[in-house]
């Protein structure tokens, strides 16, 4: 009878330990997910801030005064005497988004146009 009681107590204790460990693993997993989200958020914020400074860096091959920042869907447009360049800045391992790849394909296939729209005030007639 003593052995049965010891075995039952040991099983109960092991069960409580396993439940406690499972709860702790779940908590740590949630903390890790939150830290991962925060890291990605900080990385995005860092990217948005730094991309506004890239045209001022020595590595930028154009005159930064001719750069116009858009922010989205691409970072900006560089106006040169002989060309217009759509510019997207990336840091580290970041990749073009699906829409950015699509816009790049439109440019590469020549699907870029210049259109002029005139608006007049018809109330003065």
PDB file of N, CA and C in Angstrom:
ATOM      1  N   UNK A   1       0.818  -1.192   0.000  1.00  0.00           N
ATOM      2  CA  UNK A   1       0.000   0.000   0.000  1.00  0.00           C
ATOM      3  C   UNK A   1       0.866   1.263   0.000  1.00  0.00           C
ATOM      4  N   UNK A   2       1.939   1.243   0.710  1.00  0.00           N
ATOM      5  CA  UNK A   2       2.842   2.367   0.732  1.00  0.00           C
ATOM      6  C   UNK A   2       3.398   2.648  -0.664  1.00  0.00           C
ATOM      7  N   UNK A   3       3.739   1.573  -1.377  1.00  0.00           N
ATOM      8  CA  UNK A   3       4.294   1.730  -2.724  1.00  0.00           C
ATOM      9  C   UNK A   3       3.252   2.328  -3.664  1.00  0.00           C
ATOM     10  N   UNK A   4       2.008   1.922  -3.550  1.00  0.00           N
ATOM     11  CA  UNK A   4       0.937   2.476  -4.378  1.00  0.00           C
ATOM     12  C   UNK A   4       0.740   3.957  -4.087  1.00  0.00           C
ATOM     13  N   UNK A   5       0.795   4.315  -2.846  1.00  0.00           N
ATOM     14  CA  UNK A   5       0.641   5.714  -2.451  1.00  0.00           C
ATOM     15  C   UNK A   5       1.806   6.562  -2.968  1.00  0.00           C
ATOM     16  N   UNK A   6       3.005   6.034  -2.882  1.00  0.00           N
ATOM     17  CA  UNK A   6       4.192   6.751  -3.374  1.00  0.00           C
ATOM     18  C   UNK A   6       4.099   6.910  -4.879  1.00  0.00           C
ATOM     19  N   UNK A   7       3.696   5.863  -5.585  1.00  0.00           N
ATOM     20  CA  UNK A   7       3.542   5.922  -7.050  1.00  0.00           C
ATOM     21  C   UNK A   7       2.461   6.924  -7.446  1.00  0.00           C
ATOM     22  N   UNK A   8       1.364   6.934  -6.768  1.00  0.00           N
ATOM     23  CA  UNK A   8       0.280   7.872  -7.073  1.00  0.00           C
ATOM     24  C   UNK A   8       0.730   9.304  -6.813  1.00  0.00           C
ATOM     25  N   UNK A   9       1.431   9.520  -5.712  1.00  0.00           N
ATOM     26  CA  UNK A   9       1.923  10.866  -5.401  1.00  0.00           C
ATOM     27  C   UNK A   9       2.957  11.311  -6.429  1.00  0.00           C
ATOM     28  N   UNK A  10       3.824  10.382  -6.832  1.00  0.00           N
ATOM     29  CA  UNK A  10       4.843  10.696  -7.828  1.00  0.00           C
ATOM     30  C   UNK A  10       4.188  11.024  -9.171  1.00  0.00           C
ATOM     31  N   UNK A  11       3.203  10.256  -9.565  1.00  0.00           N
ATOM     32  CA  UNK A  11       2.484  10.532 -10.828  1.00  0.00           C
ATOM     33  C   UNK A  11       1.764  11.873 -10.757  1.00  0.00           C
ATOM     34  N   UNK A  12       1.134  12.141  -9.630  1.00  0.00           N
ATOM     35  CA  UNK A  12       0.450  13.428  -9.472  1.00  0.00           C
ATOM     36  C   UNK A  12       1.426  14.588  -9.531  1.00  0.00           C
ATOM     37  N   UNK A  13       2.565  14.426  -8.894  1.00  0.00           N
ATOM     38  CA  UNK A  13       3.584  15.470  -8.904  1.00  0.00           C
ATOM     39  C   UNK A  13       4.136  15.659 -10.318  1.00  0.00           C
ATOM     40  N   UNK A  14       4.415  14.566 -11.008  1.00  0.00           N
ATOM     41  CA  UNK A  14       4.895  14.665 -12.385  1.00  0.00           C
ATOM     42  C   UNK A  14       3.861  15.330 -13.283  1.00  0.00           C
ATOM     43  N   UNK A  15       2.598  15.012 -13.096  1.00  0.00           N
ATOM     44  CA  UNK A  15       1.532  15.635 -13.881  1.00  0.00           C
ATOM     45  C   UNK A  15       1.520  17.151 -13.667  1.00  0.00           C
ATOM     46  N   UNK A  16       1.616  17.555 -12.399  1.00  0.00           N
ATOM     47  CA  UNK A  16       1.629  18.995 -12.095  1.00  0.00           C
ATOM     48  C   UNK A  16       2.860  19.672 -12.698  1.00  0.00           C
ATOM     49  N   UNK A  17       3.994  19.007 -12.669  1.00  0.00           N
ATOM     50  CA  UNK A  17       5.212  19.568 -13.265  1.00  0.00           C
ATOM     51  C   UNK A  17       5.052  19.724 -14.769  1.00  0.00           C
ATOM     52  N   UNK A  18       4.496  18.683 -15.422  1.00  0.00           N
ATOM     53  CA  UNK A  18       4.295  18.744 -16.874  1.00  0.00           C
ATOM     54  C   UNK A  18       3.309  19.857 -17.234  1.00  0.00           C
ATOM     55  N   UNK A  19       2.229  19.994 -16.492  1.00  0.00           N
ATOM     56  CA  UNK A  19       1.257  21.057 -16.748  1.00  0.00           C
ATOM     57  C   UNK A  19       1.915  22.428 -16.554  1.00  0.00           C
ATOM     58  N   UNK A  20       2.691  22.569 -15.498  1.00  0.00           N
ATOM     59  CA  UNK A  20       3.390  23.830 -15.245  1.00  0.00           C
ATOM     60  C   UNK A  20       4.395  24.153 -16.338  1.00  0.00           C
ATOM     61  N   UNK A  21       5.140  23.156 -16.778  1.00  0.00           N
ATOM     62  CA  UNK A  21       6.104  23.368 -17.858  1.00  0.00           C
ATOM     63  C   UNK A  21       5.403  23.722 -19.173  1.00  0.00           C
ATOM     64  N   UNK A  22       4.291  23.061 -19.455  1.00  0.00           N
ATOM     65  CA  UNK A  22       3.542  23.368 -20.683  1.00  0.00           C
ATOM     66  C   UNK A  22       3.037  24.805 -20.654  1.00  0.00           C
ATOM     67  N   UNK A  23       2.547  25.234 -19.504  1.00  0.00           N
ATOM     68  CA  UNK A  23       2.083  26.614 -19.358  1.00  0.00           C
ATOM     69  C   UNK A  23       3.241  27.595 -19.569  1.00  0.00           C
ATOM     70  N   UNK A  24       4.399  27.281 -19.010  1.00  0.00           N
ATOM     71  CA  UNK A  24       5.577  28.156 -19.147  1.00  0.00           C
ATOM     72  C   UNK A  24       6.058  28.197 -20.596  1.00  0.00           C
ATOM     73  N   UNK A  25       6.044  27.054 -21.267  1.00  0.00           N
ATOM     74  CA  UNK A  25       6.431  27.016 -22.688  1.00  0.00           C
ATOM     75  C   UNK A  25       5.488  27.879 -23.508  1.00  0.00           C
ATOM     76  N   UNK A  26       4.200  27.820 -23.236  1.00  0.00           N
ATOM     77  CA  UNK A  26       3.216  28.643 -23.942  1.00  0.00           C
ATOM     78  C   UNK A  26       3.489  30.131 -23.701  1.00  0.00           C
ATOM     79  N   UNK A  27       3.780  30.498 -22.455  1.00  0.00           N
ATOM     80  CA  UNK A  27       4.090  31.896 -22.133  1.00  0.00           C
ATOM     81  C   UNK A  27       5.344  32.363 -22.882  1.00  0.00           C
ATOM     82  N   UNK A  28       6.382  31.530 -22.874  1.00  0.00           N
ATOM     83  CA  UNK A  28       7.616  31.890 -23.570  1.00  0.00           C
ATOM     84  C   UNK A  28       7.401  32.003 -25.079  1.00  0.00           C
ATOM     85  N   UNK A  29       6.570  31.145 -25.613  1.00  0.00           N
ATOM     86  CA  UNK A  29       6.256  31.206 -27.040  1.00  0.00           C
ATOM     87  C   UNK A  29       5.532  32.504 -27.381  1.00  0.00           C
ATOM     88  N   UNK A  30       4.591  32.899 -26.551  1.00  0.00           N
ATOM     89  CA  UNK A  30       3.882  34.168 -26.763  1.00  0.00           C
ATOM     90  C   UNK A  30       4.831  35.357 -26.653  1.00  0.00           C
ATOM     91  N   UNK A  31       5.750  35.308 -25.695  1.00  0.00           N
ATOM     92  CA  UNK A  31       6.732  36.384 -25.553  1.00  0.00           C
ATOM     93  C   UNK A  31       7.652  36.443 -26.771  1.00  0.00           C
ATOM     94  N   UNK A  32       8.039  35.287 -27.280  1.00  0.00           N
ATOM     95  CA  UNK A  32       8.890  35.233 -28.462  1.00  0.00           C
ATOM     96  C   UNK A  32       8.156  35.787 -29.679  1.00  0.00           C
ATOM     97  N   UNK A  33       6.886  35.456 -29.827  1.00  0.00           N
ATOM     98  CA  UNK A  33       6.086  36.004 -30.927  1.00  0.00           C
ATOM     99  C   UNK A  33       5.978  37.522 -30.830  1.00  0.00           C
ATOM    100  N   UNK A  34       5.764  38.017 -29.612  1.00  0.00           N
ATOM    101  CA  UNK A  34       5.664  39.464 -29.413  1.00  0.00           C
ATOM    102  C   UNK A  34       6.992  40.146 -29.724  1.00  0.00           C
ATOM    103  N   UNK A  35       8.093  39.543 -29.307  1.00  0.00           N
ATOM    104  CA  UNK A  35       9.408  40.112 -29.584  1.00  0.00           C
ATOM    105  C   UNK A  35       9.695  40.090 -31.088  1.00  0.00           C
ATOM    106  N   UNK A  36       9.289  39.023 -31.770  1.00  0.00           N
ATOM    107  CA  UNK A  36       9.476  38.937 -33.218  1.00  0.00           C
ATOM    108  C   UNK A  36       8.662  40.017 -33.930  1.00  0.00           C
ATOM    109  N   UNK A  37       7.425  40.217 -33.503  1.00  0.00           N
ATOM    110  CA  UNK A  37       6.587  41.268 -34.086  1.00  0.00           C
ATOM    111  C   UNK A  37       7.216  42.641 -33.864  1.00  0.00           C
ATOM    112  N   UNK A  38       7.712  42.876 -32.654  1.00  0.00           N
ATOM    113  CA  UNK A  38       8.331  44.161 -32.341  1.00  0.00           C
ATOM    114  C   UNK A  38       9.582  44.365 -33.195  1.00  0.00           C
ATOM    115  N   UNK A  39      10.377  43.318 -33.382  1.00  0.00           N
ATOM    116  CA  UNK A  39      11.585  43.417 -34.199  1.00  0.00           C
ATOM    117  C   UNK A  39      11.218  43.772 -35.639  1.00  0.00           C
ATOM    118  N   UNK A  40      10.201  43.105 -36.200  1.00  0.00           N
ATOM    119  CA  UNK A  40       9.787  43.404 -37.575  1.00  0.00           C
ATOM    120  C   UNK A  40       9.234  44.823 -37.675  1.00  0.00           C
ATOM    121  N   UNK A  41       8.507  45.260 -36.665  1.00  0.00           N
ATOM    122  CA  UNK A  41       7.958  46.607 -36.660  1.00  0.00           C
ATOM    123  C   UNK A  41       9.077  47.646 -36.612  1.00  0.00           C
ATOM    124  N   UNK A  42      10.070  47.406 -35.761  1.00  0.00           N
ATOM    125  CA  UNK A  42      11.205  48.321 -35.683  1.00  0.00           C
ATOM    126  C   UNK A  42      11.984  48.348 -36.989  1.00  0.00           C
ATOM    127  N   UNK A  43      12.122  47.189 -37.610  1.00  0.00           N
ATOM    128  CA  UNK A  43      12.836  47.112 -38.883  1.00  0.00           C
ATOM    129  C   UNK A  43      12.102  47.915 -39.952  1.00  0.00           C
ATOM    130  N   UNK A  44      10.780  47.819 -39.974  1.00  0.00           N
ATOM    131  CA  UNK A  44       9.982  48.576 -40.936  1.00  0.00           C
ATOM    132  C   UNK A  44      10.113  50.077 -40.670  1.00  0.00           C
ATOM    133  N   UNK A  45      10.036  50.459 -39.407  1.00  0.00           N
ATOM    134  CA  UNK A  45      10.175  51.867 -39.053  1.00  0.00           C
ATOM    135  C   UNK A  45      11.560  52.383 -39.432  1.00  0.00           C
ATOM    136  N   UNK A  46      12.573  51.600 -39.141  1.00  0.00           N
ATOM    137  CA  UNK A  46      13.938  51.975 -39.500  1.00  0.00           C
ATOM    138  C   UNK A  46      14.049  52.167 -41.008  1.00  0.00           C
ATOM    139  N   UNK A  47      13.472  51.246 -41.761  1.00  0.00           N
ATOM    140  CA  UNK A  47      13.512  51.345 -43.220  1.00  0.00           C
ATOM    141  C   UNK A  47      12.827  52.598 -43.727  1.00  0.00           C
ATOM    142  N   UNK A  48      11.682  52.931 -43.166  1.00  0.00           N
ATOM    143  CA  UNK A  48      10.944  54.125 -43.605  1.00  0.00           C
ATOM    144  C   UNK A  48      11.707  55.411 -43.287  1.00  0.00           C
ATOM    145  N   UNK A  49      12.383  55.407 -42.174  1.00  0.00           N
ATOM    146  CA  UNK A  49      13.155  56.603 -41.808  1.00  0.00           C
ATOM    147  C   UNK A  49      14.396  56.723 -42.682  1.00  0.00           C
ATOM    148  N   UNK A  50      15.133  55.636 -42.806  1.00  0.00           N
ATOM    149  CA  UNK A  50      16.402  55.709 -43.536  1.00  0.00           C
ATOM    150  C   UNK A  50      16.213  55.909 -45.030  1.00  0.00           C
ATOM    151  N   UNK A  51      15.131  55.406 -45.601  1.00  0.00           N
ATOM    152  CA  UNK A  51      14.952  55.564 -47.042  1.00  0.00           C
ATOM    153  C   UNK A  51      14.800  57.031 -47.438  1.00  0.00           C
ATOM    154  N   UNK A  52      14.391  57.864 -46.509  1.00  0.00           N
ATOM    155  CA  UNK A  52      14.290  59.287 -46.809  1.00  0.00           C
ATOM    156  C   UNK A  52      15.660  59.957 -46.840  1.00  0.00           C
ATOM    157  N   UNK A  53      16.657  59.304 -46.257  1.00  0.00           N
ATOM    158  CA  UNK A  53      18.008  59.867 -46.223  1.00  0.00           C
ATOM    159  C   UNK A  53      18.909  59.291 -47.308  1.00  0.00           C
ATOM    160  N   UNK A  54      18.535  58.190 -47.916  1.00  0.00           N
ATOM    161  CA  UNK A  54      19.398  57.545 -48.908  1.00  0.00           C
ATOM    162  C   UNK A  54      19.828  58.464 -50.048  1.00  0.00           C
ATOM    163  N   UNK A  55      18.963  59.324 -50.571  1.00  0.00           N
ATOM    164  CA  UNK A  55      19.433  60.198 -51.659  1.00  0.00           C
ATOM    165  C   UNK A  55      20.545  61.155 -51.230  1.00  0.00           C
ATOM    166  N   UNK A  56      20.720  61.355 -49.943  1.00  0.00           N
ATOM    167  CA  UNK A  56      21.756  62.275 -49.456  1.00  0.00           C
ATOM    168  C   UNK A  56      23.084  61.566 -49.179  1.00  0.00           C
ATOM    169  N   UNK A  57      23.104  60.256 -49.322  1.00  0.00           N
ATOM    170  CA  UNK A  57      24.318  59.497 -49.043  1.00  0.00           C
ATOM    171  C   UNK A  57      25.269  59.548 -50.240  1.00  0.00           C
ATOM    172  N   UNK A  58      26.548  59.402 -49.963  1.00  0.00           N
ATOM    173  CA  UNK A  58      27.570  59.440 -51.008  1.00  0.00           C
ATOM    174  C   UNK A  58      27.371  58.357 -52.065  1.00  0.00           C
ATOM    175  N   UNK A  59      26.817  57.211 -51.684  1.00  0.00           N
ATOM    176  CA  UNK A  59      26.630  56.106 -52.621  1.00  0.00           C
ATOM    177  C   UNK A  59      25.522  56.374 -53.638  1.00  0.00           C
ATOM    178  N   UNK A  60      24.664  57.342 -53.369  1.00  0.00           N
ATOM    179  CA  UNK A  60      23.562  57.626 -54.283  1.00  0.00           C
ATOM    180  C   UNK A  60      24.140  58.284 -55.534  1.00  0.00           C
ATOM    181  N   UNK A  61      23.901  57.698 -56.722  1.00  0.00           N
ATOM    182  CA  UNK A  61      24.608  58.145 -57.927  1.00  0.00           C
ATOM    183  C   UNK A  61      24.036  59.383 -58.612  1.00  0.00           C
ATOM    184  N   UNK A  62      22.947  59.940 -58.110  1.00  0.00           N
ATOM    185  CA  UNK A  62      22.306  61.067 -58.775  1.00  0.00           C
ATOM    186  C   UNK A  62      22.335  62.315 -57.894  1.00  0.00           C
ATOM    187  N   UNK A  63      21.918  63.419 -58.469  1.00  0.00           N
ATOM    188  CA  UNK A  63      21.790  64.674 -57.734  1.00  0.00           C
ATOM    189  C   UNK A  63      20.566  64.572 -56.824  1.00  0.00           C
ATOM    190  N   UNK A  64      20.746  64.592 -55.509  1.00  0.00           N
ATOM    191  CA  UNK A  64      19.610  64.425 -54.602  1.00  0.00           C
ATOM    192  C   UNK A  64      18.577  65.543 -54.703  1.00  0.00           C
ATOM    193  N   UNK A  65      18.967  66.695 -55.228  1.00  0.00           N
ATOM    194  CA  UNK A  65      17.996  67.786 -55.351  1.00  0.00           C
ATOM    195  C   UNK A  65      16.967  67.499 -56.441  1.00  0.00           C
ATOM    196  N   UNK A  66      17.274  66.551 -57.307  1.00  0.00           N
ATOM    197  CA  UNK A  66      16.333  66.189 -58.368  1.00  0.00           C
ATOM    198  C   UNK A  66      15.506  64.959 -58.003  1.00  0.00           C
ATOM    199  N   UNK A  67      15.596  64.528 -56.769  1.00  0.00           N
ATOM    200  CA  UNK A  67      14.843  63.368 -56.289  1.00  0.00           C
ATOM    201  C   UNK A  67      13.572  63.844 -55.604  1.00  0.00           C
ATOM    202  N   UNK A  68      12.462  63.181 -55.893  1.00  0.00           N
ATOM    203  CA  UNK A  68      11.182  63.481 -55.237  1.00  0.00           C
ATOM    204  C   UNK A  68      10.716  62.236 -54.497  1.00  0.00           C
ATOM    205  N   UNK A  69      10.547  62.380 -53.210  1.00  0.00           N
ATOM    206  CA  UNK A  69      10.142  61.254 -52.365  1.00  0.00           C
ATOM    207  C   UNK A  69       8.640  61.031 -52.474  1.00  0.00           C
ATOM    208  N   UNK A  70       8.241  59.792 -52.722  1.00  0.00           N
ATOM    209  CA  UNK A  70       6.833  59.411 -52.738  1.00  0.00           C
ATOM    210  C   UNK A  70       6.471  58.585 -51.500  1.00  0.00           C
ATOM    211  N   UNK A  71       7.316  57.634 -51.162  1.00  0.00           N
ATOM    212  CA  UNK A  71       7.075  56.788 -49.997  1.00  0.00           C
ATOM    213  C   UNK A  71       6.393  55.484 -50.344  1.00  0.00           C
ATOM    214  N   UNK A  72       5.322  55.557 -51.097  1.00  0.00           N
ATOM    215  CA  UNK A  72       4.616  54.354 -51.486  1.00  0.00           C
ATOM    216  C   UNK A  72       3.905  54.586 -52.804  1.00  0.00           C
ATOM    217  N   UNK A  73       3.807  53.696 -53.699  1.00  0.00           N
ATOM    218  CA  UNK A  73       4.268  52.304 -53.660  1.00  0.00           C
ATOM    219  C   UNK A  73       5.764  52.156 -53.930  1.00  0.00           C
ATOM    220  N   UNK A  74       6.411  53.214 -54.416  1.00  0.00           N
ATOM    221  CA  UNK A  74       7.863  53.211 -54.536  1.00  0.00           C
ATOM    222  C   UNK A  74       8.398  54.398 -53.742  1.00  0.00           C
ATOM    223  N   UNK A  75       9.688  54.357 -53.455  1.00  0.00           N
ATOM    224  CA  UNK A  75      10.248  55.401 -52.598  1.00  0.00           C
ATOM    225  C   UNK A  75      10.287  56.762 -53.269  1.00  0.00           C
ATOM    226  N   UNK A  76      10.577  56.808 -54.550  1.00  0.00           N
ATOM    227  CA  UNK A  76      10.620  58.120 -55.172  1.00  0.00           C
ATOM    228  C   UNK A  76      10.953  58.091 -56.640  1.00  0.00           C
ATOM    229  N   UNK A  77      11.089  59.290 -57.199  1.00  0.00           N
ATOM    230  CA  UNK A  77      11.387  59.465 -58.614  1.00  0.00           C
ATOM    231  C   UNK A  77      12.579  60.402 -58.730  1.00  0.00           C
ATOM    232  N   UNK A  78      13.549  59.987 -59.535  1.00  0.00           N
ATOM    233  CA  UNK A  78      14.730  60.800 -59.807  1.00  0.00           C
ATOM    234  C   UNK A  78      14.580  61.386 -61.201  1.00  0.00           C
ATOM    235  N   UNK A  79      14.631  62.709 -61.306  1.00  0.00           N
ATOM    236  CA  UNK A  79      14.497  63.386 -62.586  1.00  0.00           C
ATOM    237  C   UNK A  79      15.874  63.816 -63.072  1.00  0.00           C
ATOM    238  N   UNK A  80      16.297  63.268 -64.199  1.00  0.00           N
ATOM    239  CA  UNK A  80      17.572  63.608 -64.828  1.00  0.00           C
ATOM    240  C   UNK A  80      17.283  64.255 -66.176  1.00  0.00           C
ATOM    241  N   UNK A  81      18.282  64.934 -66.756  1.00  0.00           N
ATOM    242  CA  UNK A  81      18.091  65.584 -68.055  1.00  0.00           C
ATOM    243  C   UNK A  81      17.717  64.589 -69.148  1.00  0.00           C
ATOM    244  N   UNK A  82      18.282  63.376 -69.078  1.00  0.00           N
ATOM    245  CA  UNK A  82      18.077  62.410 -70.156  1.00  0.00           C
ATOM    246  C   UNK A  82      17.230  61.204 -69.771  1.00  0.00           C
ATOM    247  N   UNK A  83      16.720  61.181 -68.525  1.00  0.00           N
ATOM    248  CA  UNK A  83      15.901  60.044 -68.099  1.00  0.00           C
ATOM    249  C   UNK A  83      15.165  60.359 -66.814  1.00  0.00           C
ATOM    250  N   UNK A  84      14.165  59.551 -66.562  1.00  0.00           N
ATOM    251  CA  UNK A  84      13.422  59.592 -65.301  1.00  0.00           C
ATOM    252  C   UNK A  84      13.559  58.208 -64.691  1.00  0.00           C
ATOM    253  N   UNK A  85      13.952  58.143 -63.418  1.00  0.00           N
ATOM    254  CA  UNK A  85      14.238  56.869 -62.775  1.00  0.00           C
ATOM    255  C   UNK A  85      13.294  56.682 -61.588  1.00  0.00           C
ATOM    256  N   UNK A  86      12.562  55.575 -61.590  1.00  0.00           N
ATOM    257  CA  UNK A  86      11.777  55.200 -60.416  1.00  0.00           C
ATOM    258  C   UNK A  86      12.736  54.511 -59.452  1.00  0.00           C
ATOM    259  N   UNK A  87      12.749  54.956 -58.199  1.00  0.00           N
ATOM    260  CA  UNK A  87      13.751  54.496 -57.239  1.00  0.00           C
ATOM    261  C   UNK A  87      13.073  53.807 -56.061  1.00  0.00           C
ATOM    262  N   UNK A  88      13.605  52.657 -55.707  1.00  0.00           N
ATOM    263  CA  UNK A  88      13.171  51.928 -54.517  1.00  0.00           C
ATOM    264  C   UNK A  88      14.419  51.591 -53.717  1.00  0.00           C
ATOM    265  N   UNK A  89      14.487  52.029 -52.476  1.00  0.00           N
ATOM    266  CA  UNK A  89      15.631  51.749 -51.615  1.00  0.00           C
ATOM    267  C   UNK A  89      15.322  50.522 -50.761  1.00  0.00           C
ATOM    268  N   UNK A  90      16.291  49.643 -50.634  1.00  0.00           N
ATOM    269  CA  UNK A  90      16.142  48.460 -49.788  1.00  0.00           C
ATOM    270  C   UNK A  90      17.357  48.336 -48.885  1.00  0.00           C
ATOM    271  N   UNK A  91      17.146  47.817 -47.690  1.00  0.00           N
ATOM    272  CA  UNK A  91      18.236  47.577 -46.760  1.00  0.00           C
ATOM    273  C   UNK A  91      18.316  46.091 -46.451  1.00  0.00           C
ATOM    274  N   UNK A  92      19.517  45.659 -46.154  1.00  0.00           N
ATOM    275  CA  UNK A  92      19.772  44.278 -45.737  1.00  0.00           C
ATOM    276  C   UNK A  92      19.136  43.276 -46.689  1.00  0.00           C
ATOM    277  N   UNK A  93      18.286  42.428 -46.182  1.00  0.00           N
ATOM    278  CA  UNK A  93      17.709  41.360 -46.991  1.00  0.00           C
ATOM    279  C   UNK A  93      16.289  41.652 -47.454  1.00  0.00           C
ATOM    280  N   UNK A  94      15.836  42.893 -47.343  1.00  0.00           N
ATOM    281  CA  UNK A  94      14.463  43.204 -47.731  1.00  0.00           C
ATOM    282  C   UNK A  94      14.274  43.011 -49.234  1.00  0.00           C
ATOM    283  N   UNK A  95      13.078  42.657 -49.622  1.00  0.00           N
ATOM    284  CA  UNK A  95      12.743  42.321 -51.004  1.00  0.00           C
ATOM    285  C   UNK A  95      11.678  43.279 -51.522  1.00  0.00           C
ATOM    286  N   UNK A  96      11.569  43.359 -52.843  1.00  0.00           N
ATOM    287  CA  UNK A  96      10.487  44.137 -53.441  1.00  0.00           C
ATOM    288  C   UNK A  96       9.162  43.484 -53.094  1.00  0.00           C
ATOM    289  N   UNK A  97       8.154  44.303 -52.863  1.00  0.00           N
ATOM    290  CA  UNK A  97       6.815  43.766 -52.622  1.00  0.00           C
ATOM    291  C   UNK A  97       6.220  43.297 -53.951  1.00  0.00           C
ATOM    292  N   UNK A  98       5.112  42.617 -53.878  1.00  0.00           N
ATOM    293  CA  UNK A  98       4.441  42.133 -55.082  1.00  0.00           C
ATOM    294  C   UNK A  98       4.080  43.302 -56.005  1.00  0.00           C
ATOM    295  N   UNK A  99       3.535  44.377 -55.433  1.00  0.00           N
ATOM    296  CA  UNK A  99       3.156  45.523 -56.259  1.00  0.00           C
ATOM    297  C   UNK A  99       4.388  46.224 -56.833  1.00  0.00           C
ATOM    298  N   UNK A 100       5.489  46.273 -56.078  1.00  0.00           N
ATOM    299  CA  UNK A 100       6.715  46.885 -56.590  1.00  0.00           C
ATOM    300  C   UNK A 100       7.284  46.076 -57.756  1.00  0.00           C
ATOM    301  N   UNK A 101       7.244  44.758 -57.648  1.00  0.00           N
ATOM    302  CA  UNK A 101       7.694  43.915 -58.767  1.00  0.00           C
ATOM    303  C   UNK A 101       6.811  44.142 -59.992  1.00  0.00           C
ATOM    304  N   UNK A 102       5.515  44.300 -59.759  1.00  0.00           N
ATOM    305  CA  UNK A 102       4.586  44.549 -60.866  1.00  0.00           C
ATOM    306  C   UNK A 102       4.904  45.884 -61.547  1.00  0.00           C
ATOM    307  N   UNK A 103       5.154  46.932 -60.772  1.00  0.00           N
ATOM    308  CA  UNK A 103       5.488  48.230 -61.358  1.00  0.00           C
ATOM    309  C   UNK A 103       6.803  48.155 -62.126  1.00  0.00           C
ATOM    310  N   UNK A 104       7.769  47.421 -61.592  1.00  0.00           N
ATOM    311  CA  UNK A 104       9.033  47.241 -62.304  1.00  0.00           C
ATOM    312  C   UNK A 104       8.793  46.567 -63.660  1.00  0.00           C
ATOM    313  N   UNK A 105       7.932  45.552 -63.674  1.00  0.00           N
ATOM    314  CA  UNK A 105       7.610  44.864 -64.930  1.00  0.00           C
ATOM    315  C   UNK A 105       6.918  45.809 -65.915  1.00  0.00           C
ATOM    316  N   UNK A 106       6.035  46.677 -65.424  1.00  0.00           N
ATOM    317  CA  UNK A 106       5.375  47.648 -66.304  1.00  0.00           C
ATOM    318  C   UNK A 106       6.396  48.592 -66.932  1.00  0.00           C
ATOM    319  N   UNK A 107       7.350  49.043 -66.140  1.00  0.00           N
ATOM    320  CA  UNK A 107       8.391  49.930 -66.660  1.00  0.00           C
ATOM    321  C   UNK A 107       9.234  49.183 -67.683  1.00  0.00           C
ATOM    322  N   UNK A 108       9.647  47.970 -67.353  1.00  0.00           N
ATOM    323  CA  UNK A 108      10.495  47.192 -68.254  1.00  0.00           C
ATOM    324  C   UNK A 108       9.794  46.857 -69.570  1.00  0.00           C
ATOM    325  N   UNK A 109       8.473  46.736 -69.547  1.00  0.00           N
ATOM    326  CA  UNK A 109       7.736  46.423 -70.778  1.00  0.00           C
ATOM    327  C   UNK A 109       7.282  47.678 -71.522  1.00  0.00           C
ATOM    328  N   UNK A 110       7.667  48.847 -71.022  1.00  0.00           N
ATOM    329  CA  UNK A 110       7.345  50.097 -71.709  1.00  0.00           C
ATOM    330  C   UNK A 110       5.941  50.610 -71.458  1.00  0.00           C
ATOM    331  N   UNK A 111       5.270  50.106 -70.455  1.00  0.00           N
ATOM    332  CA  UNK A 111       3.901  50.521 -70.143  1.00  0.00           C
ATOM    333  C   UNK A 111       3.888  51.726 -69.205  1.00  0.00           C
ATOM    334  N   UNK A 112       4.670  52.748 -69.540  1.00  0.00           N
ATOM    335  CA  UNK A 112       4.734  53.975 -68.758  1.00  0.00           C
ATOM    336  C   UNK A 112       4.400  55.125 -69.690  1.00  0.00           C
ATOM    337  N   UNK A 113       3.533  56.015 -69.256  1.00  0.00           N
ATOM    338  CA  UNK A 113       3.031  57.063 -70.141  1.00  0.00           C
ATOM    339  C   UNK A 113       3.073  58.407 -69.451  1.00  0.00           C
ATOM    340  N   UNK A 114       3.059  59.447 -70.261  1.00  0.00           N
ATOM    341  CA  UNK A 114       2.929  60.813 -69.764  1.00  0.00           C
ATOM    342  C   UNK A 114       1.584  61.317 -70.253  1.00  0.00           C
ATOM    343  N   UNK A 115       0.760  61.766 -69.337  1.00  0.00           N
ATOM    344  CA  UNK A 115      -0.547  62.300 -69.710  1.00  0.00           C
ATOM    345  C   UNK A 115      -0.723  63.652 -69.059  1.00  0.00           C
ATOM    346  N   UNK A 116      -1.371  64.542 -69.788  1.00  0.00           N
ATOM    347  CA  UNK A 116      -1.641  65.884 -69.278  1.00  0.00           C
ATOM    348  C   UNK A 116      -3.151  66.047 -69.145  1.00  0.00           C
ATOM    349  N   UNK A 117      -3.573  66.551 -68.026  1.00  0.00           N
ATOM    350  CA  UNK A 117      -4.989  66.816 -67.798  1.00  0.00           C
ATOM    351  C   UNK A 117      -5.134  68.300 -67.476  1.00  0.00           C
ATOM    352  N   UNK A 118      -6.058  68.947 -68.147  1.00  0.00           N
ATOM    353  CA  UNK A 118      -6.311  70.369 -67.883  1.00  0.00           C
ATOM    354  C   UNK A 118      -7.687  70.515 -67.239  1.00  0.00           C
ATOM    355  N   UNK A 119      -7.721  71.301 -66.215  1.00  0.00           N
ATOM    356  CA  UNK A 119      -8.966  71.584 -65.531  1.00  0.00           C
ATOM    357  C   UNK A 119      -9.227  73.075 -65.657  1.00  0.00           C
ATOM    358  N   UNK A 120     -10.425  73.398 -66.049  1.00  0.00           N
ATOM    359  CA  UNK A 120     -10.777  74.791 -66.209  1.00  0.00           C
ATOM    360  C   UNK A 120     -11.942  75.127 -65.309  1.00  0.00           C
ATOM    361  N   UNK A 121     -12.032  76.379 -65.006  1.00  0.00           N
ATOM    362  CA  UNK A 121     -13.123  76.848 -64.170  1.00  0.00           C
ATOM    363  C   UNK A 121     -14.239  77.292 -65.121  1.00  0.00           C
ATOM    364  N   UNK A 122     -15.204  76.417 -65.359  1.00  0.00           N
ATOM    365  CA  UNK A 122     -16.303  76.706 -66.314  1.00  0.00           C
ATOM    366  C   UNK A 122     -17.295  77.724 -65.754  1.00  0.00           C
ATOM    367  N   UNK A 123     -17.187  78.088 -64.492  1.00  0.00           N
ATOM    368  CA  UNK A 123     -18.150  79.028 -63.918  1.00  0.00           C
ATOM    369  C   UNK A 123     -17.915  80.461 -64.398  1.00  0.00           C
ATOM    370  N   UNK A 124     -16.808  80.731 -65.091  1.00  0.00           N
ATOM    371  CA  UNK A 124     -16.498  82.072 -65.539  1.00  0.00           C
ATOM    372  C   UNK A 124     -16.987  82.322 -66.971  1.00  0.00           C
ATOM    373  N   UNK A 125     -17.780  81.451 -67.530  1.00  0.00           N
ATOM    374  CA  UNK A 125     -18.260  81.641 -68.911  1.00  0.00           C
ATOM    375  C   UNK A 125     -19.558  82.365 -68.985  1.00  0.00           C
TER     376      UNK A 125
END
